[in-house]
Amino acid sequence: MQLTVKGLNINVTQGEDGFITITCDGPITVTAPEINITGNLNVAGNIHATGTIIDEGGNTNHHGH
């Protein structure tokens, strides 16, 4: 399936593994009062946060100041 929004080509495909991949010609910004993700989040790159990051799993002891 291909979707065109304001001149950007957005391609949505589902692989044989069931994963859905979304590709776009430009950057993507999501604006919402709250975004919830259920499941794992994998990031290939940097993360920049302007607020607090809360880790309820307790795995934040691998850093130094």
C-alpha atoms as a PDB file:
ATOM      1  CA  MET A   1       0.000   0.000   0.000  1.00  0.00           C
ATOM      2  CA  GLN A   2       1.255   3.478  -0.769  1.00  0.00           C
ATOM      3  CA  LEU A   3      -0.103   6.662   0.787  1.00  0.00           C
ATOM      4  CA  THR A   4       0.657  10.238  -0.297  1.00  0.00           C
ATOM      5  CA  VAL A   5       0.287  12.948   2.351  1.00  0.00           C
ATOM      6  CA  LYS A   6       1.060  16.589   1.523  1.00  0.00           C
ATOM      7  CA  GLY A   7       3.414  15.597  -1.263  1.00  0.00           C
ATOM      8  CA  LEU A   8       5.408  13.036   0.760  1.00  0.00           C
ATOM      9  CA  ASN A   9       5.471   9.434  -0.345  1.00  0.00           C
ATOM     10  CA  ILE A  10       4.827   7.135   2.586  1.00  0.00           C
ATOM     11  CA  ASN A  11       5.268   3.434   1.910  1.00  0.00           C
ATOM     12  CA  VAL A  12       3.725   0.880   4.272  1.00  0.00           C
ATOM     13  CA  THR A  13       4.771  -2.744   3.767  1.00  0.00           C
ATOM     14  CA  GLN A  14       4.381  -5.951   5.736  1.00  0.00           C
ATOM     15  CA  GLY A  15       7.187  -8.471   5.522  1.00  0.00           C
ATOM     16  CA  GLU A  16       6.928 -12.230   5.614  1.00  0.00           C
ATOM     17  CA  ASP A  17       7.901 -12.035   9.302  1.00  0.00           C
ATOM     18  CA  GLY A  18       4.751 -10.001  10.007  1.00  0.00           C
ATOM     19  CA  PHE A  19       6.634  -6.786  10.787  1.00  0.00           C
ATOM     20  CA  ILE A  20       5.143  -3.624   9.311  1.00  0.00           C
ATOM     21  CA  THR A  21       7.665  -1.147   7.920  1.00  0.00           C
ATOM     22  CA  ILE A  22       6.859   2.508   7.249  1.00  0.00           C
ATOM     23  CA  THR A  23       9.281   4.501   5.094  1.00  0.00           C
ATOM     24  CA  CYS A  24       9.039   8.148   4.137  1.00  0.00           C
ATOM     25  CA  ASP A  25      10.909  10.652   1.963  1.00  0.00           C
ATOM     26  CA  GLY A  26      11.346  13.092   4.863  1.00  0.00           C
ATOM     27  CA  PRO A  27      11.436  13.385   8.648  1.00  0.00           C
ATOM     28  CA  ILE A  28       8.412  12.363  10.698  1.00  0.00           C
ATOM     29  CA  THR A  29       7.089  14.322  13.688  1.00  0.00           C
ATOM     30  CA  VAL A  30       4.320  12.969  15.902  1.00  0.00           C
ATOM     31  CA  THR A  31       2.529  15.504  18.064  1.00  0.00           C
ATOM     32  CA  ALA A  32       0.142  14.260  20.743  1.00  0.00           C
ATOM     33  CA  PRO A  33      -0.488  14.895  24.425  1.00  0.00           C
ATOM     34  CA  GLU A  34       0.539  11.311  25.163  1.00  0.00           C
ATOM     35  CA  ILE A  35       1.901   8.364  23.165  1.00  0.00           C
ATOM     36  CA  ASN A  36       1.762   4.816  24.537  1.00  0.00           C
ATOM     37  CA  ILE A  37       3.795   1.942  23.141  1.00  0.00           C
ATOM     38  CA  THR A  38       3.005  -1.583  24.267  1.00  0.00           C
ATOM     39  CA  GLY A  39       5.926  -3.903  23.648  1.00  0.00           C
ATOM     40  CA  ASN A  40       9.620  -3.429  23.039  1.00  0.00           C
ATOM     41  CA  LEU A  41      11.136  -0.332  21.471  1.00  0.00           C
ATOM     42  CA  ASN A  42      14.392  -0.677  19.549  1.00  0.00           C
ATOM     43  CA  VAL A  43      16.259   2.489  18.589  1.00  0.00           C
ATOM     44  CA  ALA A  44      19.105   2.504  16.068  1.00  0.00           C
ATOM     45  CA  GLY A  45      20.605   5.909  16.784  1.00  0.00           C
ATOM     46  CA  ASN A  46      20.563   8.602  19.432  1.00  0.00           C
ATOM     47  CA  ILE A  47      17.789   9.561  21.829  1.00  0.00           C
ATOM     48  CA  HIS A  48      17.384  13.154  23.013  1.00  0.00           C
ATOM     49  CA  ALA A  49      14.994  13.816  25.898  1.00  0.00           C
ATOM     50  CA  THR A  50      14.111  17.240  27.267  1.00  0.00           C
ATOM     51  CA  GLY A  51      12.174  15.761  30.188  1.00  0.00           C
ATOM     52  CA  THR A  52      12.630  13.042  32.743  1.00  0.00           C
ATOM     53  CA  ILE A  53      13.132   9.396  31.809  1.00  0.00           C
ATOM     54  CA  ILE A  54      11.614   7.005  34.340  1.00  0.00           C
ATOM     55  CA  ASP A  55      12.786   3.395  34.355  1.00  0.00           C
ATOM     56  CA  GLU A  56      10.448   1.152  36.301  1.00  0.00           C
ATOM     57  CA  GLY A  57      12.532  -1.908  35.399  1.00  0.00           C
ATOM     58  CA  GLY A  58      15.487  -0.768  37.498  1.00  0.00           C
ATOM     59  CA  ASN A  59      18.139  -1.051  34.779  1.00  0.00           C
ATOM     60  CA  THR A  60      19.638   2.449  35.065  1.00  0.00           C
ATOM     61  CA  ASN A  61      22.671   1.523  37.162  1.00  0.00           C
ATOM     62  CA  HIS A  62      25.042   1.284  34.174  1.00  0.00           C
ATOM     63  CA  HIS A  63      25.914   4.972  33.935  1.00  0.00           C
ATOM     64  CA  GLY A  64      28.319   7.422  35.516  1.00  0.00           C
ATOM     65  CA  HIS A  65      28.561  11.128  36.180  1.00  0.00           C
END
